[in-house]
Amino acid sequence: MTNGNDNEPDREAIAAGIAAIWERTRGTVLTRVETINAAASAANENSLTSTARHAAFADAHKLSGYPWTFGFGGASKLAAEAEGLLRGEEPLPAGAITRLTDIAVELQHQLTAERAA
């Protein structure tokens, strides 16, 4: 469909398509948030394995760009911050663990809220 100009796509159709893609991928996105949350919890208990940290780092990296496409720019920024905290092999300082936990909670909140138009 077009909006009267054959060269310009119908914005409503594009928005509907993006919303449909979001609904199909939302579960995967929220699973990635849970991986970050689990890493924060494990770090808090001094039991974060290298494997879990790398998985959380990879998921944070994926989240640092993907949600932006669906109107969740703030979530992308938070994920990029989590990625930075998880980078490396050295133990996470207490402040970084607290921040990582806060980021996971905020990501969950933002990504379960209504999608921005």
C-alpha atoms as a PDB file:
ATOM      1  CA  MET A   1       0.000   0.000   0.000  1.00  0.00           C
ATOM      2  CA  THR A   2       1.015   3.584  -0.481  1.00  0.00           C
ATOM      3  CA  ASN A   3      -0.145   6.854   0.930  1.00  0.00           C
ATOM      4  CA  GLY A   4      -0.950   8.414  -2.423  1.00  0.00           C
ATOM      5  CA  ASN A   5       2.635   8.611  -3.615  1.00  0.00           C
ATOM      6  CA  ASP A   6       3.628   5.353  -5.320  1.00  0.00           C
ATOM      7  CA  ASN A   7       7.257   5.916  -4.321  1.00  0.00           C
ATOM      8  CA  GLU A   8       6.600   6.323  -0.605  1.00  0.00           C
ATOM      9  CA  PRO A   9       5.632   3.239   1.416  1.00  0.00           C
ATOM     10  CA  ASP A  10       2.630   3.299   3.690  1.00  0.00           C
ATOM     11  CA  ARG A  11       3.955   4.225   7.146  1.00  0.00           C
ATOM     12  CA  GLU A  12       1.212   2.264   8.871  1.00  0.00           C
ATOM     13  CA  ALA A  13       2.155  -0.885   6.976  1.00  0.00           C
ATOM     14  CA  ILE A  14       5.805  -0.440   7.908  1.00  0.00           C
ATOM     15  CA  ALA A  15       4.912   0.182  11.562  1.00  0.00           C
ATOM     16  CA  ALA A  16       2.702  -2.921  11.563  1.00  0.00           C
ATOM     17  CA  GLY A  17       5.522  -4.978  10.056  1.00  0.00           C
ATOM     18  CA  ILE A  18       8.008  -3.770  12.660  1.00  0.00           C
ATOM     19  CA  ALA A  19       5.508  -4.489  15.448  1.00  0.00           C
ATOM     20  CA  ALA A  20       4.987  -8.015  14.121  1.00  0.00           C
ATOM     21  CA  ILE A  21       8.737  -8.663  14.028  1.00  0.00           C
ATOM     22  CA  TRP A  22       9.042  -7.340  17.579  1.00  0.00           C
ATOM     23  CA  GLU A  23       6.333  -9.682  18.820  1.00  0.00           C
ATOM     24  CA  ARG A  24       8.083 -12.658  17.187  1.00  0.00           C
ATOM     25  CA  THR A  25      11.495 -11.783  18.659  1.00  0.00           C
ATOM     26  CA  ARG A  26      10.470 -10.374  22.035  1.00  0.00           C
ATOM     27  CA  GLY A  27      10.931 -13.698  23.846  1.00  0.00           C
ATOM     28  CA  THR A  28      14.497 -14.049  22.564  1.00  0.00           C
ATOM     29  CA  VAL A  29      15.270 -10.493  23.636  1.00  0.00           C
ATOM     30  CA  LEU A  30      13.889 -11.087  27.139  1.00  0.00           C
ATOM     31  CA  THR A  31      15.883 -14.334  27.407  1.00  0.00           C
ATOM     32  CA  ARG A  32      19.021 -12.300  26.705  1.00  0.00           C
ATOM     33  CA  VAL A  33      18.070  -9.933  29.512  1.00  0.00           C
ATOM     34  CA  GLU A  34      17.680 -12.923  31.821  1.00  0.00           C
ATOM     35  CA  THR A  35      21.193 -14.097  30.892  1.00  0.00           C
ATOM     36  CA  ILE A  36      22.540 -10.713  32.012  1.00  0.00           C
ATOM     37  CA  ASN A  37      20.492 -10.875  35.214  1.00  0.00           C
ATOM     38  CA  ALA A  38      21.727 -14.399  35.958  1.00  0.00           C
ATOM     39  CA  ALA A  39      25.326 -13.268  35.470  1.00  0.00           C
ATOM     40  CA  ALA A  40      24.776 -10.369  37.882  1.00  0.00           C
ATOM     41  CA  SER A  41      23.262 -12.726  40.455  1.00  0.00           C
ATOM     42  CA  ALA A  42      26.118 -15.199  40.080  1.00  0.00           C
ATOM     43  CA  ALA A  43      28.687 -12.407  40.374  1.00  0.00           C
ATOM     44  CA  ASN A  44      26.952 -11.213  43.535  1.00  0.00           C
ATOM     45  CA  GLU A  45      27.324 -14.731  44.957  1.00  0.00           C
ATOM     46  CA  ASN A  46      30.960 -14.901  43.774  1.00  0.00           C
ATOM     47  CA  SER A  47      30.067 -17.817  41.480  1.00  0.00           C
ATOM     48  CA  LEU A  48      30.129 -16.222  38.024  1.00  0.00           C
ATOM     49  CA  THR A  49      31.824 -18.663  35.663  1.00  0.00           C
ATOM     50  CA  SER A  50      33.778 -17.599  32.616  1.00  0.00           C
ATOM     51  CA  THR A  51      31.209 -19.348  30.418  1.00  0.00           C
ATOM     52  CA  ALA A  52      28.276 -17.508  31.997  1.00  0.00           C
ATOM     53  CA  ARG A  53      30.122 -14.206  31.795  1.00  0.00           C
ATOM     54  CA  HIS A  54      30.920 -14.699  28.111  1.00  0.00           C
ATOM     55  CA  ALA A  55      27.284 -15.647  27.413  1.00  0.00           C
ATOM     56  CA  ALA A  56      26.052 -12.521  29.210  1.00  0.00           C
ATOM     57  CA  PHE A  57      28.619 -10.390  27.387  1.00  0.00           C
ATOM     58  CA  ALA A  58      27.477 -11.805  24.027  1.00  0.00           C
ATOM     59  CA  ASP A  59      23.815 -11.248  24.867  1.00  0.00           C
ATOM     60  CA  ALA A  60      24.501  -7.696  26.058  1.00  0.00           C
ATOM     61  CA  HIS A  61      26.328  -7.053  22.795  1.00  0.00           C
ATOM     62  CA  LYS A  62      23.346  -8.313  20.787  1.00  0.00           C
ATOM     63  CA  LEU A  63      20.995  -6.180  22.858  1.00  0.00           C
ATOM     64  CA  SER A  64      23.114  -3.061  22.428  1.00  0.00           C
ATOM     65  CA  GLY A  65      21.800  -2.556  18.905  1.00  0.00           C
ATOM     66  CA  TYR A  66      18.747  -4.684  18.311  1.00  0.00           C
ATOM     67  CA  PRO A  67      16.117  -3.011  20.571  1.00  0.00           C
ATOM     68  CA  TRP A  68      16.848   0.392  19.022  1.00  0.00           C
ATOM     69  CA  THR A  69      15.196  -0.852  15.830  1.00  0.00           C
ATOM     70  CA  PHE A  70      11.955  -1.332  17.735  1.00  0.00           C
ATOM     71  CA  GLY A  71      11.894   2.001  19.537  1.00  0.00           C
ATOM     72  CA  PHE A  72      13.795   0.975  22.671  1.00  0.00           C
ATOM     73  CA  GLY A  73      16.797   3.289  22.403  1.00  0.00           C
ATOM     74  CA  GLY A  74      17.239   3.474  26.156  1.00  0.00           C
ATOM     75  CA  ALA A  75      17.432  -0.308  26.377  1.00  0.00           C
ATOM     76  CA  SER A  76      20.140  -0.358  23.717  1.00  0.00           C
ATOM     77  CA  LYS A  77      22.205   2.129  25.716  1.00  0.00           C
ATOM     78  CA  LEU A  78      21.773   0.109  28.911  1.00  0.00           C
ATOM     79  CA  ALA A  79      22.808  -3.080  27.127  1.00  0.00           C
ATOM     80  CA  ALA A  80      25.932  -1.359  25.801  1.00  0.00           C
ATOM     81  CA  GLU A  81      26.789  -0.368  29.369  1.00  0.00           C
ATOM     82  CA  ALA A  82      26.282  -3.971  30.529  1.00  0.00           C
ATOM     83  CA  GLU A  83      28.517  -5.145  27.700  1.00  0.00           C
ATOM     84  CA  GLY A  84      31.260  -2.816  28.936  1.00  0.00           C
ATOM     85  CA  LEU A  85      30.912  -4.075  32.512  1.00  0.00           C
ATOM     86  CA  LEU A  86      31.118  -7.711  31.395  1.00  0.00           C
ATOM     87  CA  ARG A  87      34.116  -7.203  29.114  1.00  0.00           C
ATOM     88  CA  GLY A  88      37.298  -8.853  30.356  1.00  0.00           C
ATOM     89  CA  GLU A  89      38.155 -11.621  32.758  1.00  0.00           C
ATOM     90  CA  GLU A  90      38.914  -9.834  36.020  1.00  0.00           C
ATOM     91  CA  PRO A  91      36.405 -10.188  38.855  1.00  0.00           C
ATOM     92  CA  LEU A  92      33.663  -7.591  38.804  1.00  0.00           C
ATOM     93  CA  PRO A  93      33.934  -5.002  41.566  1.00  0.00           C
ATOM     94  CA  ALA A  94      30.950  -4.671  43.902  1.00  0.00           C
ATOM     95  CA  GLY A  95      29.850  -1.427  42.263  1.00  0.00           C
ATOM     96  CA  ALA A  96      29.843  -3.041  38.825  1.00  0.00           C
ATOM     97  CA  ILE A  97      27.788  -5.961  40.119  1.00  0.00           C
ATOM     98  CA  THR A  98      25.238  -3.584  41.599  1.00  0.00           C
ATOM     99  CA  ARG A  99      25.091  -1.594  38.375  1.00  0.00           C
ATOM    100  CA  LEU A 100      24.751  -4.766  36.291  1.00  0.00           C
ATOM    101  CA  THR A 101      21.834  -5.867  38.466  1.00  0.00           C
ATOM    102  CA  ASP A 102      20.197  -2.444  38.088  1.00  0.00           C
ATOM    103  CA  ILE A 103      20.696  -2.576  34.318  1.00  0.00           C
ATOM    104  CA  ALA A 104      19.058  -6.008  34.081  1.00  0.00           C
ATOM    105  CA  VAL A 105      16.040  -4.789  36.062  1.00  0.00           C
ATOM    106  CA  GLU A 106      15.725  -1.662  33.951  1.00  0.00           C
ATOM    107  CA  LEU A 107      16.125  -3.609  30.705  1.00  0.00           C
ATOM    108  CA  GLN A 108      13.328  -5.944  31.776  1.00  0.00           C
ATOM    109  CA  HIS A 109      11.145  -2.963  32.650  1.00  0.00           C
ATOM    110  CA  GLN A 110      11.793  -1.098  29.414  1.00  0.00           C
ATOM    111  CA  LEU A 111      11.454  -4.096  27.130  1.00  0.00           C
ATOM    112  CA  THR A 112       8.158  -5.198  28.640  1.00  0.00           C
ATOM    113  CA  ALA A 113       6.690  -1.679  28.409  1.00  0.00           C
ATOM    114  CA  GLU A 114       4.738  -0.484  25.413  1.00  0.00           C
ATOM    115  CA  ARG A 115       6.903  -0.140  22.356  1.00  0.00           C
ATOM    116  CA  ALA A 116       7.712   3.425  21.338  1.00  0.00           C
ATOM    117  CA  ALA A 117       6.099   4.533  18.100  1.00  0.00           C
END
